[in-house]
Amino acid sequence: MRVGDNVLISPDVTHKSDWQIATVIEVEENPFVGTVISARTEDGEIFFDKAYLFKPAN
């Protein structure tokens, strides 16, 4: 995933009932947990977590 990509964010991150669509705003290689993705939803909320909790939006 790269900055600008559209992604779906797991409910485990957002605490909402469904996967949420968002745009990647940062990709970080964290030496302790691996790749961390930060993404902003259409309503302006920002979520970040490990990359496996995000999937590409088609």
PDB file of N, CA and C in Angstrom:
ATOM      1  N   MET A   1       0.833  -1.180   0.000  1.00  0.00           N
ATOM      2  CA  MET A   1       0.000   0.000   0.000  1.00  0.00           C
ATOM      3  C   MET A   1       0.879   1.246   0.000  1.00  0.00           C
ATOM      4  N   ARG A   2       0.364   2.263  -0.672  1.00  0.00           N
ATOM      5  CA  ARG A   2       1.094   3.519  -0.773  1.00  0.00           C
ATOM      6  C   ARG A   2       0.187   4.685  -0.399  1.00  0.00           C
ATOM      7  N   VAL A   3       0.800   5.811  -0.086  1.00  0.00           N
ATOM      8  CA  VAL A   3       0.043   7.031   0.218  1.00  0.00           C
ATOM      9  C   VAL A   3      -0.860   7.339  -0.974  1.00  0.00           C
ATOM     10  N   GLY A   4      -2.125   7.644  -0.678  1.00  0.00           N
ATOM     11  CA  GLY A   4      -3.107   7.948  -1.712  1.00  0.00           C
ATOM     12  C   GLY A   4      -3.982   6.776  -2.097  1.00  0.00           C
ATOM     13  N   ASP A   5      -3.594   5.554  -1.738  1.00  0.00           N
ATOM     14  CA  ASP A   5      -4.409   4.370  -2.046  1.00  0.00           C
ATOM     15  C   ASP A   5      -5.686   4.372  -1.216  1.00  0.00           C
ATOM     16  N   ASN A   6      -6.775   3.872  -1.800  1.00  0.00           N
ATOM     17  CA  ASN A   6      -8.008   3.668  -1.050  1.00  0.00           C
ATOM     18  C   ASN A   6      -7.949   2.301  -0.396  1.00  0.00           C
ATOM     19  N   VAL A   7      -8.344   2.242   0.871  1.00  0.00           N
ATOM     20  CA  VAL A   7      -8.301   1.003   1.639  1.00  0.00           C
ATOM     21  C   VAL A   7      -9.596   0.829   2.425  1.00  0.00           C
ATOM     22  N   LEU A   8      -9.798  -0.375   2.875  1.00  0.00           N
ATOM     23  CA  LEU A   8     -10.865  -0.683   3.828  1.00  0.00           C
ATOM     24  C   LEU A   8     -10.196  -0.954   5.172  1.00  0.00           C
ATOM     25  N   ILE A   9     -10.757  -0.389   6.235  1.00  0.00           N
ATOM     26  CA  ILE A   9     -10.193  -0.536   7.571  1.00  0.00           C
ATOM     27  C   ILE A   9     -11.062  -1.494   8.373  1.00  0.00           C
ATOM     28  N   SER A  10     -10.428  -2.447   9.013  1.00  0.00           N
ATOM     29  CA  SER A  10     -11.114  -3.466   9.800  1.00  0.00           C
ATOM     30  C   SER A  10     -11.923  -2.851  10.945  1.00  0.00           C
ATOM     31  N   PRO A  11     -13.075  -3.459  11.258  1.00  0.00           N
ATOM     32  CA  PRO A  11     -13.838  -3.035  12.427  1.00  0.00           C
ATOM     33  C   PRO A  11     -13.054  -3.181  13.736  1.00  0.00           C
ATOM     34  N   ASP A  12     -12.015  -4.028  13.746  1.00  0.00           N
ATOM     35  CA  ASP A  12     -11.173  -4.160  14.941  1.00  0.00           C
ATOM     36  C   ASP A  12     -10.452  -2.847  15.247  1.00  0.00           C
ATOM     37  N   VAL A  13     -10.229  -2.034  14.238  1.00  0.00           N
ATOM     38  CA  VAL A  13      -9.553  -0.747  14.405  1.00  0.00           C
ATOM     39  C   VAL A  13     -10.566   0.359  14.684  1.00  0.00           C
ATOM     40  N   THR A  14     -11.650   0.391  13.905  1.00  0.00           N
ATOM     41  CA  THR A  14     -12.606   1.508  13.970  1.00  0.00           C
ATOM     42  C   THR A  14     -13.682   1.331  15.042  1.00  0.00           C
ATOM     43  N   HIS A  15     -13.899   0.105  15.472  1.00  0.00           N
ATOM     44  CA  HIS A  15     -14.972  -0.233  16.423  1.00  0.00           C
ATOM     45  C   HIS A  15     -16.364   0.073  15.856  1.00  0.00           C
ATOM     46  N   LYS A  16     -16.480   0.012  14.533  1.00  0.00           N
ATOM     47  CA  LYS A  16     -17.768   0.174  13.859  1.00  0.00           C
ATOM     48  C   LYS A  16     -18.203  -1.186  13.346  1.00  0.00           C
ATOM     49  N   SER A  17     -19.425  -1.298  12.845  1.00  0.00           N
ATOM     50  CA  SER A  17     -19.970  -2.608  12.472  1.00  0.00           C
ATOM     51  C   SER A  17     -19.418  -3.158  11.160  1.00  0.00           C
ATOM     52  N   ASP A  18     -19.001  -2.290  10.240  1.00  0.00           N
ATOM     53  CA  ASP A  18     -18.497  -2.731   8.936  1.00  0.00           C
ATOM     54  C   ASP A  18     -17.112  -2.163   8.673  1.00  0.00           C
ATOM     55  N   TRP A  19     -16.461  -2.714   7.649  1.00  0.00           N
ATOM     56  CA  TRP A  19     -15.190  -2.176   7.179  1.00  0.00           C
ATOM     57  C   TRP A  19     -15.441  -0.769   6.659  1.00  0.00           C
ATOM     58  N   GLN A  20     -14.559   0.173   6.968  1.00  0.00           N
ATOM     59  CA  GLN A  20     -14.704   1.569   6.576  1.00  0.00           C
ATOM     60  C   GLN A  20     -13.730   1.913   5.460  1.00  0.00           C
ATOM     61  N   ILE A  21     -14.189   2.671   4.463  1.00  0.00           N
ATOM     62  CA  ILE A  21     -13.316   3.079   3.371  1.00  0.00           C
ATOM     63  C   ILE A  21     -12.542   4.327   3.796  1.00  0.00           C
ATOM     64  N   ALA A  22     -11.272   4.380   3.389  1.00  0.00           N
ATOM     65  CA  ALA A  22     -10.410   5.499   3.763  1.00  0.00           C
ATOM     66  C   ALA A  22      -9.291   5.629   2.741  1.00  0.00           C
ATOM     67  N   THR A  23      -8.506   6.709   2.883  1.00  0.00           N
ATOM     68  CA  THR A  23      -7.364   6.962   2.017  1.00  0.00           C
ATOM     69  C   THR A  23      -6.094   6.929   2.857  1.00  0.00           C
ATOM     70  N   VAL A  24      -5.098   6.202   2.396  1.00  0.00           N
ATOM     71  CA  VAL A  24      -3.831   6.091   3.114  1.00  0.00           C
ATOM     72  C   VAL A  24      -3.141   7.458   3.130  1.00  0.00           C
ATOM     73  N   ILE A  25      -2.739   7.903   4.333  1.00  0.00           N
ATOM     74  CA  ILE A  25      -2.021   9.178   4.450  1.00  0.00           C
ATOM     75  C   ILE A  25      -0.571   8.980   4.883  1.00  0.00           C
ATOM     76  N   GLU A  26      -0.237   7.780   5.404  1.00  0.00           N
ATOM     77  CA  GLU A  26       1.146   7.504   5.799  1.00  0.00           C
ATOM     78  C   GLU A  26       1.373   5.999   5.880  1.00  0.00           C
ATOM     79  N   VAL A  27       2.556   5.583   5.476  1.00  0.00           N
ATOM     80  CA  VAL A  27       2.990   4.195   5.613  1.00  0.00           C
ATOM     81  C   VAL A  27       4.321   4.245   6.356  1.00  0.00           C
ATOM     82  N   GLU A  28       4.376   3.573   7.503  1.00  0.00           N
ATOM     83  CA  GLU A  28       5.575   3.607   8.349  1.00  0.00           C
ATOM     84  C   GLU A  28       6.108   2.199   8.557  1.00  0.00           C
ATOM     85  N   GLU A  29       7.402   2.049   8.438  1.00  0.00           N
ATOM     86  CA  GLU A  29       8.052   0.775   8.762  1.00  0.00           C
ATOM     87  C   GLU A  29       8.517   0.869  10.214  1.00  0.00           C
ATOM     88  N   ASN A  30       7.760   0.270  11.119  1.00  0.00           N
ATOM     89  CA  ASN A  30       8.063   0.311  12.541  1.00  0.00           C
ATOM     90  C   ASN A  30       8.931  -0.895  12.888  1.00  0.00           C
ATOM     91  N   PRO A  31      10.089  -0.684  13.511  1.00  0.00           N
ATOM     92  CA  PRO A  31      10.989  -1.808  13.793  1.00  0.00           C
ATOM     93  C   PRO A  31      10.433  -2.808  14.812  1.00  0.00           C
ATOM     94  N   PHE A  32       9.411  -2.426  15.554  1.00  0.00           N
ATOM     95  CA  PHE A  32       8.856  -3.309  16.588  1.00  0.00           C
ATOM     96  C   PHE A  32       7.645  -4.100  16.124  1.00  0.00           C
ATOM     97  N   VAL A  33       6.783  -3.486  15.301  1.00  0.00           N
ATOM     98  CA  VAL A  33       5.537  -4.160  14.898  1.00  0.00           C
ATOM     99  C   VAL A  33       5.405  -4.355  13.398  1.00  0.00           C
ATOM    100  N   GLY A  34       6.350  -3.893  12.615  1.00  0.00           N
ATOM    101  CA  GLY A  34       6.267  -4.029  11.163  1.00  0.00           C
ATOM    102  C   GLY A  34       5.632  -2.803  10.527  1.00  0.00           C
ATOM    103  N   THR A  35       4.954  -3.008   9.421  1.00  0.00           N
ATOM    104  CA  THR A  35       4.356  -1.899   8.676  1.00  0.00           C
ATOM    105  C   THR A  35       3.113  -1.393   9.390  1.00  0.00           C
ATOM    106  N   VAL A  36       3.055  -0.068   9.564  1.00  0.00           N
ATOM    107  CA  VAL A  36       1.900   0.588  10.177  1.00  0.00           C
ATOM    108  C   VAL A  36       1.291   1.529   9.140  1.00  0.00           C
ATOM    109  N   ILE A  37      -0.014   1.421   8.947  1.00  0.00           N
ATOM    110  CA  ILE A  37      -0.750   2.241   7.987  1.00  0.00           C
ATOM    111  C   ILE A  37      -1.578   3.270   8.747  1.00  0.00           C
ATOM    112  N   SER A  38      -1.556   4.510   8.275  1.00  0.00           N
ATOM    113  CA  SER A  38      -2.444   5.563   8.778  1.00  0.00           C
ATOM    114  C   SER A  38      -3.359   5.951   7.626  1.00  0.00           C
ATOM    115  N   ALA A  39      -4.657   6.049   7.907  1.00  0.00           N
ATOM    116  CA  ALA A  39      -5.627   6.360   6.856  1.00  0.00           C
ATOM    117  C   ALA A  39      -6.715   7.283   7.396  1.00  0.00           C
ATOM    118  N   ARG A  40      -7.213   8.147   6.505  1.00  0.00           N
ATOM    119  CA  ARG A  40      -8.269   9.115   6.861  1.00  0.00           C
ATOM    120  C   ARG A  40      -9.557   8.728   6.145  1.00  0.00           C
ATOM    121  N   THR A  41     -10.655   8.661   6.900  1.00  0.00           N
ATOM    122  CA  THR A  41     -11.963   8.370   6.320  1.00  0.00           C
ATOM    123  C   THR A  41     -12.529   9.642   5.694  1.00  0.00           C
ATOM    124  N   GLU A  42     -13.627   9.496   4.960  1.00  0.00           N
ATOM    125  CA  GLU A  42     -14.261  10.644   4.307  1.00  0.00           C
ATOM    126  C   GLU A  42     -14.747  11.693   5.300  1.00  0.00           C
ATOM    127  N   ASP A  43     -15.105  11.264   6.517  1.00  0.00           N
ATOM    128  CA  ASP A  43     -15.569  12.232   7.509  1.00  0.00           C
ATOM    129  C   ASP A  43     -14.436  12.804   8.364  1.00  0.00           C
ATOM    130  N   GLY A  44     -13.180  12.517   7.983  1.00  0.00           N
ATOM    131  CA  GLY A  44     -12.029  13.140   8.622  1.00  0.00           C
ATOM    132  C   GLY A  44     -11.390  12.375   9.760  1.00  0.00           C
ATOM    133  N   GLU A  45     -11.950  11.230  10.135  1.00  0.00           N
ATOM    134  CA  GLU A  45     -11.349  10.438  11.201  1.00  0.00           C
ATOM    135  C   GLU A  45     -10.072   9.775  10.695  1.00  0.00           C
ATOM    136  N   ILE A  46      -9.050   9.735  11.544  1.00  0.00           N
ATOM    137  CA  ILE A  46      -7.788   9.100  11.187  1.00  0.00           C
ATOM    138  C   ILE A  46      -7.597   7.865  12.058  1.00  0.00           C
ATOM    139  N   PHE A  47      -7.271   6.753  11.398  1.00  0.00           N
ATOM    140  CA  PHE A  47      -7.021   5.499  12.093  1.00  0.00           C
ATOM    141  C   PHE A  47      -5.657   4.983  11.674  1.00  0.00           C
ATOM    142  N   PHE A  48      -4.974   4.314  12.602  1.00  0.00           N
ATOM    143  CA  PHE A  48      -3.691   3.703  12.265  1.00  0.00           C
ATOM    144  C   PHE A  48      -3.545   2.407  13.025  1.00  0.00           C
ATOM    145  N   ASP A  49      -2.891   1.445  12.383  1.00  0.00           N
ATOM    146  CA  ASP A  49      -2.636   0.144  13.013  1.00  0.00           C
ATOM    147  C   ASP A  49      -1.765  -0.675  12.068  1.00  0.00           C
ATOM    148  N   LYS A  50      -1.543  -1.919  12.443  1.00  0.00           N
ATOM    149  CA  LYS A  50      -0.714  -2.830  11.646  1.00  0.00           C
ATOM    150  C   LYS A  50      -1.363  -3.061  10.270  1.00  0.00           C
ATOM    151  N   ALA A  51      -0.527  -3.267   9.274  1.00  0.00           N
ATOM    152  CA  ALA A  51      -0.986  -3.357   7.879  1.00  0.00           C
ATOM    153  C   ALA A  51      -2.006  -4.469   7.648  1.00  0.00           C
ATOM    154  N   TYR A  52      -1.951  -5.567   8.397  1.00  0.00           N
ATOM    155  CA  TYR A  52      -2.879  -6.667   8.145  1.00  0.00           C
ATOM    156  C   TYR A  52      -4.328  -6.309   8.473  1.00  0.00           C
ATOM    157  N   LEU A  53      -4.561  -5.193   9.154  1.00  0.00           N
ATOM    158  CA  LEU A  53      -5.918  -4.758   9.487  1.00  0.00           C
ATOM    159  C   LEU A  53      -6.519  -3.835   8.419  1.00  0.00           C
ATOM    160  N   PHE A  54      -5.800  -3.658   7.321  1.00  0.00           N
ATOM    161  CA  PHE A  54      -6.248  -2.860   6.191  1.00  0.00           C
ATOM    162  C   PHE A  54      -6.230  -3.747   4.953  1.00  0.00           C
ATOM    163  N   LYS A  55      -7.165  -3.502   4.017  1.00  0.00           N
ATOM    164  CA  LYS A  55      -7.124  -4.232   2.762  1.00  0.00           C
ATOM    165  C   LYS A  55      -7.467  -3.260   1.635  1.00  0.00           C
ATOM    166  N   PRO A  56      -6.940  -3.522   0.443  1.00  0.00           N
ATOM    167  CA  PRO A  56      -7.200  -2.615  -0.689  1.00  0.00           C
ATOM    168  C   PRO A  56      -8.690  -2.529  -0.988  1.00  0.00           C
ATOM    169  N   ALA A  57      -9.151  -1.320  -1.287  1.00  0.00           N
ATOM    170  CA  ALA A  57     -10.549  -1.129  -1.715  1.00  0.00           C
ATOM    171  C   ALA A  57     -10.578  -1.196  -3.231  1.00  0.00           C
ATOM    172  N   ASN A  58     -11.448  -2.015  -3.766  1.00  0.00           N
ATOM    173  CA  ASN A  58     -11.502  -2.171  -5.219  1.00  0.00           C
ATOM    174  C   ASN A  58     -12.457  -1.226  -5.848  1.00  0.00           C
TER     175      ASN A  58
END
